[in-house]
Protein backbone atom coordinates (compact mmCIF):
# COMPACT_ATOMS: atom_id res chain seq x y z
CA MET A 1 50.75 245.00 86.09
CA MET A 2 50.39 245.09 82.32
CA LYS A 3 53.19 245.08 79.76
CA ILE A 4 52.37 247.48 76.90
CA ALA A 5 54.11 247.60 73.52
CA ALA A 6 54.37 251.10 72.05
CA ILE A 7 55.03 250.71 68.32
CA LEU A 8 56.71 253.71 66.71
CA THR A 9 59.38 255.08 64.44
CA ASP A 10 60.59 258.56 63.54
CA TYR A 11 58.11 261.43 63.25
CA PHE A 12 55.59 260.08 65.78
CA GLU A 13 53.35 262.76 67.31
CA ASP A 14 55.26 263.50 70.52
CA VAL A 15 52.34 264.03 72.94
CA GLU A 16 50.42 261.04 71.55
CA TYR A 17 53.31 258.93 72.84
CA THR A 18 54.55 260.82 75.91
CA GLU A 19 51.18 261.51 77.58
CA PRO A 20 49.72 257.96 77.37
CA VAL A 21 53.07 256.41 78.33
CA LYS A 22 53.33 258.71 81.36
CA ALA A 23 49.78 257.77 82.41
CA PHE A 24 50.42 254.03 81.92
CA ARG A 25 53.63 254.17 83.95
CA GLU A 26 51.93 256.17 86.73
CA LYS A 27 49.42 253.28 87.00
CA GLY A 28 52.33 250.83 87.35
CA HIS A 29 52.29 249.44 83.83
CA GLU A 30 55.49 248.70 81.91
CA VAL A 31 55.93 250.21 78.44
CA ILE A 32 58.29 248.59 75.94
CA ASN A 33 59.16 250.62 72.84
CA VAL A 34 58.92 248.47 69.72
CA GLY A 35 60.23 249.60 66.34
CA LEU A 36 62.10 248.59 63.25
CA GLU A 37 65.51 248.30 64.94
CA ALA A 38 66.36 247.65 68.61
CA GLY A 39 68.72 250.20 70.13
CA LYS A 40 67.88 252.91 67.59
CA THR A 41 66.72 256.29 68.87
CA VAL A 42 63.68 257.65 67.04
CA LYS A 43 62.48 261.25 67.31
CA GLY A 44 59.07 262.87 67.47
CA LYS A 45 57.94 265.21 64.72
CA SER A 46 56.95 268.23 66.82
CA LYS A 47 59.35 268.39 69.75
CA GLN A 48 61.98 265.92 68.54
CA THR A 49 61.32 263.83 71.67
CA PRO A 50 63.97 261.07 71.64
CA VAL A 51 62.73 257.53 72.29
CA GLU A 52 65.00 254.50 72.32
CA ILE A 53 63.58 251.39 70.68
CA ASP A 54 63.81 248.51 73.16
CA LYS A 55 62.84 245.67 70.83
CA ALA A 56 62.73 245.12 67.08
CA VAL A 57 59.20 244.33 65.97
CA ALA A 58 60.52 241.33 64.02
CA ASP A 59 61.78 239.85 67.31
CA VAL A 60 58.58 240.13 69.36
CA SER A 61 55.14 238.56 69.43
CA PRO A 62 51.78 239.77 70.74
CA ASP A 63 52.20 236.93 73.28
CA ASP A 64 54.96 239.04 74.89
CA PHE A 65 52.55 241.90 75.74
CA ASP A 66 49.18 242.67 77.30
CA ALA A 67 48.31 245.75 75.20
CA LEU A 68 49.49 247.83 72.22
CA LEU A 69 49.82 251.62 71.82
CA ILE A 70 49.96 253.11 68.31
CA PRO A 71 50.79 256.84 68.51
CA GLY A 72 50.00 259.01 65.50
CA GLY A 73 52.08 261.41 63.46
CA PHE A 74 53.88 260.10 60.38
CA SER A 75 55.12 257.02 62.24
CA PRO A 76 52.16 254.70 61.42
CA ASP A 77 52.43 255.51 57.71
CA MET A 78 56.16 254.80 57.74
CA LEU A 79 55.72 251.55 59.70
CA ARG A 80 53.03 250.19 57.38
CA ALA A 81 55.56 250.10 54.54
CA HIS A 82 57.23 247.17 56.36
CA GLU A 83 55.78 243.68 56.73
CA ALA A 84 56.92 243.00 60.32
CA PRO A 85 54.95 245.87 61.96
CA VAL A 86 51.88 245.11 59.83
CA HIS A 87 51.99 241.43 60.78
CA PHE A 88 52.54 242.29 64.48
CA VAL A 89 49.57 244.68 64.54
CA ARG A 90 47.33 242.20 62.68
CA MET A 91 48.19 239.42 65.17
CA PHE A 92 47.68 241.82 68.09
CA MET A 93 44.22 242.86 66.92
CA ASN A 94 43.28 239.23 66.30
CA SER A 95 44.45 238.28 69.81
CA GLY A 96 41.66 240.35 71.36
CA LYS A 97 44.11 242.17 73.63
CA PRO A 98 43.70 245.96 74.04
CA VAL A 99 44.91 248.16 71.18
CA PHE A 100 45.12 251.95 71.63
CA SER A 101 45.29 253.95 68.40
CA ILE A 102 45.28 257.74 68.11
CA CYS A 103 45.27 260.24 65.24
CA HIS A 104 47.05 258.57 62.27
CA GLY A 105 47.41 255.27 64.19
CA PRO A 106 44.57 253.67 62.19
CA GLN A 107 46.80 253.78 59.08
CA LEU A 108 48.69 250.80 60.49
CA LEU A 109 45.40 249.05 61.31
CA ILE A 110 44.13 249.74 57.78
CA THR A 111 47.17 248.11 56.20
CA ALA A 112 46.86 245.19 58.65
CA ASP A 113 43.31 244.76 57.30
CA VAL A 114 41.69 244.49 60.73
CA LEU A 115 39.08 247.27 60.72
CA GLN A 116 36.23 245.61 58.79
CA GLY A 117 32.99 246.27 60.69
CA ARG A 118 34.71 248.06 63.60
CA GLN A 119 33.73 251.43 65.11
CA VAL A 120 36.79 253.68 64.76
CA THR A 121 37.85 257.30 64.86
CA GLY A 122 41.04 258.96 63.68
CA TYR A 123 42.50 262.13 62.23
CA LYS A 124 40.24 263.96 59.75
CA SER A 125 42.59 263.43 56.80
CA ILE A 126 42.22 259.62 57.04
CA VAL A 127 38.43 259.42 57.53
CA GLN A 128 37.90 258.16 53.97
CA ASP A 129 40.71 255.61 54.39
CA ILE A 130 39.03 254.32 57.55
CA LYS A 131 35.70 253.99 55.72
CA ASN A 132 37.38 252.32 52.72
CA ALA A 133 38.84 249.75 55.14
CA GLY A 134 35.29 248.72 56.03
CA ALA A 135 35.13 250.47 59.40
CA LYS A 136 32.32 252.66 60.65
CA PHE A 137 33.88 256.08 61.26
CA GLN A 138 32.65 257.90 64.35
CA ASP A 139 33.59 261.57 64.87
CA SER A 140 34.07 261.40 68.65
CA GLU A 141 36.91 262.25 71.03
CA VAL A 142 37.20 258.56 71.88
CA VAL A 143 35.63 255.41 70.49
CA VAL A 144 35.78 252.06 72.29
CA ASP A 145 34.89 249.01 70.20
CA GLY A 146 35.72 245.81 72.05
CA ASN A 147 39.51 245.69 72.43
CA LEU A 148 40.10 248.82 70.30
CA VAL A 149 40.30 252.36 71.71
CA SER A 150 40.73 255.16 69.15
CA SER A 151 40.88 258.96 69.24
CA ARG A 152 41.17 261.73 66.65
CA ASN A 153 44.01 264.06 67.65
CA PRO A 154 46.08 265.48 70.55
CA ASP A 155 43.06 267.40 71.89
CA ASP A 156 41.44 264.02 72.64
CA ILE A 157 44.34 262.70 74.74
CA PRO A 158 42.57 262.99 78.14
CA ALA A 159 39.61 260.89 76.92
CA PHE A 160 41.98 258.51 75.09
CA ILE A 161 43.99 257.93 78.26
CA ARG A 162 40.86 257.56 80.42
CA GLU A 163 39.40 254.81 78.21
CA SER A 164 42.76 253.10 77.59
CA VAL A 165 43.47 252.89 81.33
CA ARG A 166 39.93 251.63 81.94
CA LEU A 167 40.49 248.79 79.43
CA LEU A 168 43.70 247.82 81.25
CA GLU A 169 41.92 247.41 84.60
């Protein structure tokens, strides 16, 4: 089955990580948690869900994975302050492999400068940022544009999972 990198750090939106990961694993896919430091435990912002980072982003390549999950919360904004996650996400998008981004996830894609001309959705507070990055914002529960699946918020998780799993098939 597929090997999926979930890129996150502290203050990720708990359900935007736990629900897709549960669905991916139920379908037999492997999820590897990628972050700033291997072995570190990061915590979600709402429920303090603990997640151990399996691999440091500086030590992996998109070649190691089949897909990428970018949960929302404050995590994408914190990650985009570091070059390694930005570079990893840029290379992943350019590889054409599936990328799943929800809520504030597009912040990492914006900094990676990979949204020009793409159809994207995201959390309402970053709509202008998405447009400024050259993307066409679409206010929908899920938007699929080639290899990119995006959703707005936790309410959209069922549609986000449905389309993400479909892209993995």
